[in-house]
Protein backbone atom coordinates (compact mmCIF):
# COMPACT_ATOMS: atom_id res chain seq x y z
CA UNK A 1 52.65 158.49 159.93
CA UNK A 2 55.75 160.47 160.81
CA UNK A 3 55.55 164.13 161.77
CA UNK A 4 57.56 166.71 163.68
CA UNK A 5 56.09 169.92 165.10
CA UNK A 6 57.37 172.96 166.97
CA UNK A 7 54.93 175.16 168.87
CA UNK A 8 56.19 178.51 170.12
CA UNK A 9 59.72 177.10 170.29
CA UNK A 10 62.16 179.67 171.66
CA UNK A 11 65.77 178.87 172.49
CA UNK A 12 68.04 181.05 174.62
CA UNK A 13 71.70 180.05 174.69
CA UNK A 14 73.88 181.42 177.52
CA UNK A 15 77.52 182.32 176.73
CA UNK A 16 79.37 181.71 179.98
CA UNK A 17 82.91 182.56 178.91
CA UNK A 18 82.28 186.21 177.94
CA UNK A 19 84.11 187.96 180.79
CA UNK A 20 86.17 190.89 179.62
CA UNK A 21 84.34 194.15 178.98
CA UNK A 22 85.69 194.58 175.46
CA UNK A 23 84.75 191.02 174.49
CA UNK A 24 81.31 191.41 176.03
CA UNK A 25 80.74 194.63 174.07
CA UNK A 26 81.84 192.89 170.89
CA UNK A 27 79.35 190.09 171.46
CA UNK A 28 76.57 192.51 172.39
CA UNK A 29 77.11 194.43 169.14
CA UNK A 30 76.04 191.27 167.30
CA UNK A 31 72.54 192.05 168.56
CA UNK A 32 71.70 193.51 165.18
CA UNK A 33 71.53 189.88 163.96
CA UNK A 34 69.96 188.15 166.94
CA UNK A 35 68.46 189.20 170.25
CA UNK A 36 71.34 189.35 172.73
CA UNK A 37 70.90 190.39 176.34
CA UNK A 38 72.19 189.78 179.86
CA UNK A 39 70.33 187.75 182.48
CA UNK A 40 70.16 188.67 186.17
CA UNK A 41 73.59 187.13 186.79
CA UNK A 42 75.26 189.17 184.04
CA UNK A 43 75.59 186.17 181.70
CA UNK A 44 75.25 187.03 178.02
CA UNK A 45 72.27 185.21 176.51
CA UNK A 46 71.66 184.79 172.76
CA UNK A 47 68.11 184.18 171.53
CA UNK A 48 68.94 181.60 168.87
CA UNK A 49 65.32 180.69 168.01
CA UNK A 50 62.37 182.99 168.51
CA UNK A 51 58.78 181.65 168.71
CA UNK A 52 58.97 179.00 165.96
CA UNK A 53 55.62 177.47 164.89
CA UNK A 54 56.04 174.85 162.13
CA UNK A 55 54.81 171.34 161.39
CA UNK A 56 56.42 168.89 158.93
CA UNK A 57 54.47 165.82 157.82
CA UNK A 58 55.07 162.58 155.91
CA UNK A 59 56.14 163.31 152.34
CA UNK A 60 57.66 166.69 153.17
CA UNK A 61 61.08 167.56 151.81
CA UNK A 62 61.94 170.79 153.61
CA UNK A 63 64.76 173.12 152.58
CA UNK A 64 66.08 175.53 155.20
CA UNK A 65 67.43 178.76 153.74
CA UNK A 66 68.72 182.03 155.15
CA UNK A 67 72.01 183.85 155.72
CA UNK A 68 74.74 182.59 158.01
CA UNK A 69 73.65 182.94 161.62
CA UNK A 70 69.94 182.82 160.74
CA UNK A 71 69.32 179.80 162.97
CA UNK A 72 69.19 176.94 160.45
CA UNK A 73 71.68 174.64 162.19
CA UNK A 74 70.23 175.53 165.59
CA UNK A 75 66.76 174.61 164.35
CA UNK A 76 68.06 171.24 163.12
CA UNK A 77 69.65 170.57 166.49
CA UNK A 78 66.42 171.46 168.23
CA UNK A 79 64.46 169.13 165.93
CA UNK A 80 67.00 166.42 166.74
CA UNK A 81 66.59 166.88 170.49
CA UNK A 82 70.15 168.08 170.99
CA UNK A 83 68.77 171.38 172.28
CA UNK A 84 65.58 171.64 174.33
CA UNK A 85 63.61 174.85 173.78
CA UNK A 86 63.63 177.33 176.64
CA UNK A 87 59.97 178.00 175.86
CA UNK A 88 57.53 176.02 173.73
CA UNK A 89 57.50 172.39 172.66
CA UNK A 90 58.85 169.95 170.08
CA UNK A 91 56.69 166.89 169.36
CA UNK A 92 57.34 164.12 166.86
CA UNK A 93 56.40 160.64 165.69
CA UNK A 94 58.98 158.46 163.95
CA UNK A 95 62.68 157.66 164.23
CA UNK A 96 64.74 160.84 163.90
CA UNK A 97 68.28 160.53 162.52
CA UNK A 98 70.40 163.71 162.50
CA UNK A 99 73.33 163.71 160.06
CA UNK A 100 74.75 166.98 161.31
CA UNK A 101 78.33 165.85 161.93
CA UNK A 102 78.97 162.65 160.01
CA UNK A 103 82.30 161.97 161.80
CA UNK A 104 80.88 162.27 165.32
CA UNK A 105 81.76 159.29 167.51
CA UNK A 106 84.61 157.94 165.38
CA UNK A 107 87.76 156.93 167.24
CA UNK A 108 91.32 157.59 166.06
CA UNK A 109 92.76 154.41 167.55
CA UNK A 110 90.06 152.03 166.35
CA UNK A 111 90.11 150.33 162.95
CA UNK A 112 87.80 151.26 160.10
CA UNK A 113 85.66 148.18 160.79
CA UNK A 114 85.45 149.04 164.48
CA UNK A 115 84.46 152.59 163.57
CA UNK A 116 81.64 151.27 161.39
CA UNK A 117 80.19 149.72 164.53
CA UNK A 118 80.88 152.79 166.73
CA UNK A 119 79.28 155.24 164.31
CA UNK A 120 76.42 152.84 163.60
CA UNK A 121 75.58 152.48 167.28
CA UNK A 122 75.64 156.26 167.68
CA UNK A 123 73.13 156.56 164.83
CA UNK A 124 70.78 154.15 166.60
CA UNK A 125 71.52 150.99 164.63
CA UNK A 126 71.29 147.64 166.40
CA UNK A 127 74.19 145.17 166.40
CA UNK A 128 72.23 143.02 163.96
CA UNK A 129 71.70 145.96 161.58
CA UNK A 130 75.40 146.81 161.67
CA UNK A 131 76.42 143.21 160.96
CA UNK A 132 73.93 143.06 158.07
CA UNK A 133 75.13 146.32 156.52
CA UNK A 134 78.87 146.11 157.27
CA UNK A 135 79.87 144.46 153.99
CA UNK A 136 77.83 146.90 151.92
CA UNK A 137 79.34 149.85 153.80
CA UNK A 138 82.85 148.47 153.28
CA UNK A 139 82.28 148.03 149.55
CA UNK A 140 80.78 151.49 149.12
CA UNK A 141 83.61 153.40 150.81
CA UNK A 142 86.23 151.58 148.66
CA UNK A 143 88.87 151.52 151.41
CA UNK A 144 89.80 147.85 151.06
CA UNK A 145 92.49 146.65 153.47
CA UNK A 146 92.62 150.07 155.15
CA UNK A 147 89.49 149.04 157.06
CA UNK A 148 91.76 146.82 159.19
CA UNK A 149 93.99 149.78 160.08
CA UNK A 150 93.45 152.48 162.76
CA UNK A 151 91.62 155.62 161.70
CA UNK A 152 94.70 157.71 162.54
CA UNK A 153 96.41 156.26 159.45
CA UNK A 154 93.68 157.59 157.11
CA UNK A 155 93.84 160.70 154.98
CA UNK A 156 91.08 163.29 155.50
CA UNK A 157 89.35 162.11 152.32
CA UNK A 158 89.37 158.48 153.48
CA UNK A 159 87.87 159.47 156.84
CA UNK A 160 85.03 161.33 155.15
CA UNK A 161 84.34 158.40 152.82
CA UNK A 162 84.04 156.00 155.73
CA UNK A 163 81.89 158.38 157.78
CA UNK A 164 79.64 159.08 154.79
CA UNK A 165 79.22 155.38 154.00
CA UNK A 166 78.18 154.54 157.56
CA UNK A 167 75.93 157.58 158.03
CA UNK A 168 74.00 156.99 154.81
CA UNK A 169 73.39 153.31 155.61
CA UNK A 170 70.97 154.28 158.37
CA UNK A 171 67.20 153.85 158.08
CA UNK A 172 65.36 156.99 159.19
CA UNK A 173 61.75 158.10 159.20
CA UNK A 174 62.76 161.72 159.83
CA UNK A 175 66.13 162.68 158.35
CA UNK A 176 67.95 165.89 159.31
CA UNK A 177 70.92 167.10 157.23
CA UNK A 178 73.16 170.15 157.57
CA UNK A 179 74.63 171.09 154.18
CA UNK A 180 75.64 168.70 151.40
CA UNK A 181 78.56 166.46 152.32
CA UNK A 182 81.78 166.72 150.30
CA UNK A 183 83.22 163.25 149.86
CA UNK A 184 86.19 163.33 147.52
CA UNK A 185 86.90 162.82 143.83
CA UNK A 186 84.42 163.16 140.97
CA UNK A 187 83.71 159.44 140.53
CA UNK A 188 83.01 158.94 144.21
CA UNK A 189 80.94 162.15 144.32
CA UNK A 190 78.65 160.64 141.69
CA UNK A 191 78.18 157.51 143.82
CA UNK A 192 77.64 159.64 146.92
CA UNK A 193 74.96 161.74 145.23
CA UNK A 194 73.02 158.62 144.19
CA UNK A 195 73.34 157.18 147.68
CA UNK A 196 72.17 160.40 149.30
CA UNK A 197 69.11 160.49 147.02
CA UNK A 198 68.33 156.88 147.96
CA UNK A 199 68.59 157.86 151.63
CA UNK A 200 66.16 160.75 151.01
CA UNK A 201 63.68 158.44 149.28
CA UNK A 202 63.67 155.99 152.21
CA UNK A 203 62.80 158.68 154.77
CA UNK A 204 59.24 159.95 155.28
CA UNK A 205 60.42 163.47 156.13
CA UNK A 206 63.68 165.17 155.13
CA UNK A 207 64.81 168.53 156.53
CA UNK A 208 68.03 169.91 155.08
CA UNK A 209 69.93 173.16 155.37
CA UNK A 210 72.00 174.38 152.43
CA UNK A 211 72.99 177.46 150.48
CA UNK A 212 72.55 175.90 147.00
CA UNK A 213 69.15 177.17 145.87
CA UNK A 214 69.26 175.10 142.68
CA UNK A 215 69.54 171.94 144.76
CA UNK A 216 66.77 173.13 147.08
CA UNK A 217 64.53 173.57 144.04
CA UNK A 218 65.44 170.09 142.78
CA UNK A 219 64.88 168.01 145.91
CA UNK A 220 62.43 169.95 148.13
CA UNK A 221 58.69 170.58 148.01
CA UNK A 222 58.65 173.24 150.76
CA UNK A 223 61.08 175.86 152.02
CA UNK A 224 61.50 177.44 155.44
CA UNK A 225 63.25 180.81 155.30
CA UNK A 226 65.01 181.64 158.58
CA UNK A 227 66.14 185.12 159.60
CA UNK A 228 67.53 186.16 163.00
CA UNK A 229 66.19 183.02 164.62
CA UNK A 230 62.65 183.58 163.31
CA UNK A 231 60.56 182.17 160.48
CA UNK A 232 60.51 184.77 157.70
CA UNK A 233 58.44 182.58 155.35
CA UNK A 234 57.32 178.96 154.98
CA UNK A 235 55.64 177.55 151.90
CA UNK A 236 56.06 176.22 148.33
CA UNK A 237 59.63 176.08 147.04
CA UNK A 238 59.50 178.53 144.15
CA UNK A 239 57.45 181.10 146.04
CA UNK A 240 59.78 181.26 149.05
CA UNK A 241 63.11 180.84 147.22
CA UNK A 242 62.22 183.53 144.69
CA UNK A 243 61.29 185.95 147.49
CA UNK A 244 64.56 185.17 149.26
CA UNK A 245 66.64 185.69 146.10
CA UNK A 246 64.90 189.00 145.45
CA UNK A 247 66.07 190.50 148.72
CA UNK A 248 69.65 189.19 148.98
């Protein structure tokens, strides 16, 4: 059974390029949102996560809510293993797939078909999986002969379609998403929504960050409310979302 658990997870991020006094003061004034301090070498350090204790288990659909800068994206990156906590631990069981930047790893000078393989490999697919799913991905993104052309010839909408099609073809036990993906016109958006819901249903655990509370209520069974890098509340959807809406 899949699970993912943080115990006392604290993450301090150093900002090495804050040199000038005025810029340093400007950054330090942001301390009213997060804990910001200087280490012994004078490097500005931001406490992005502060003593997080949470456990997600099979069947959980977790919505992350909170204002900008609350730590939602940082938490997702820590769950994904992109960041290692400065203090505390992250333990998990199951294949984790982070869809935090769906265009990551795509190459301007490679064709659409070549980028299907590149992005697929980055998401942890095997060569056999990519070959099996390539035709389905090609049909879903509706790019036709453009798949034989370099990515640099694509419009921004075409790039997102291709990236979305590849990213949502992955099989994950623990799925991490940062905001809902915008993928073009209304007809394609309808297809994308159905595909995203199918992806959710195939995963044992889904953790997603978004600002659309109506969507959180629709797809999640639990909500984690983040504030200044800390857990403000964690529990049933309606209970936590209603408390959040009452104070914003």
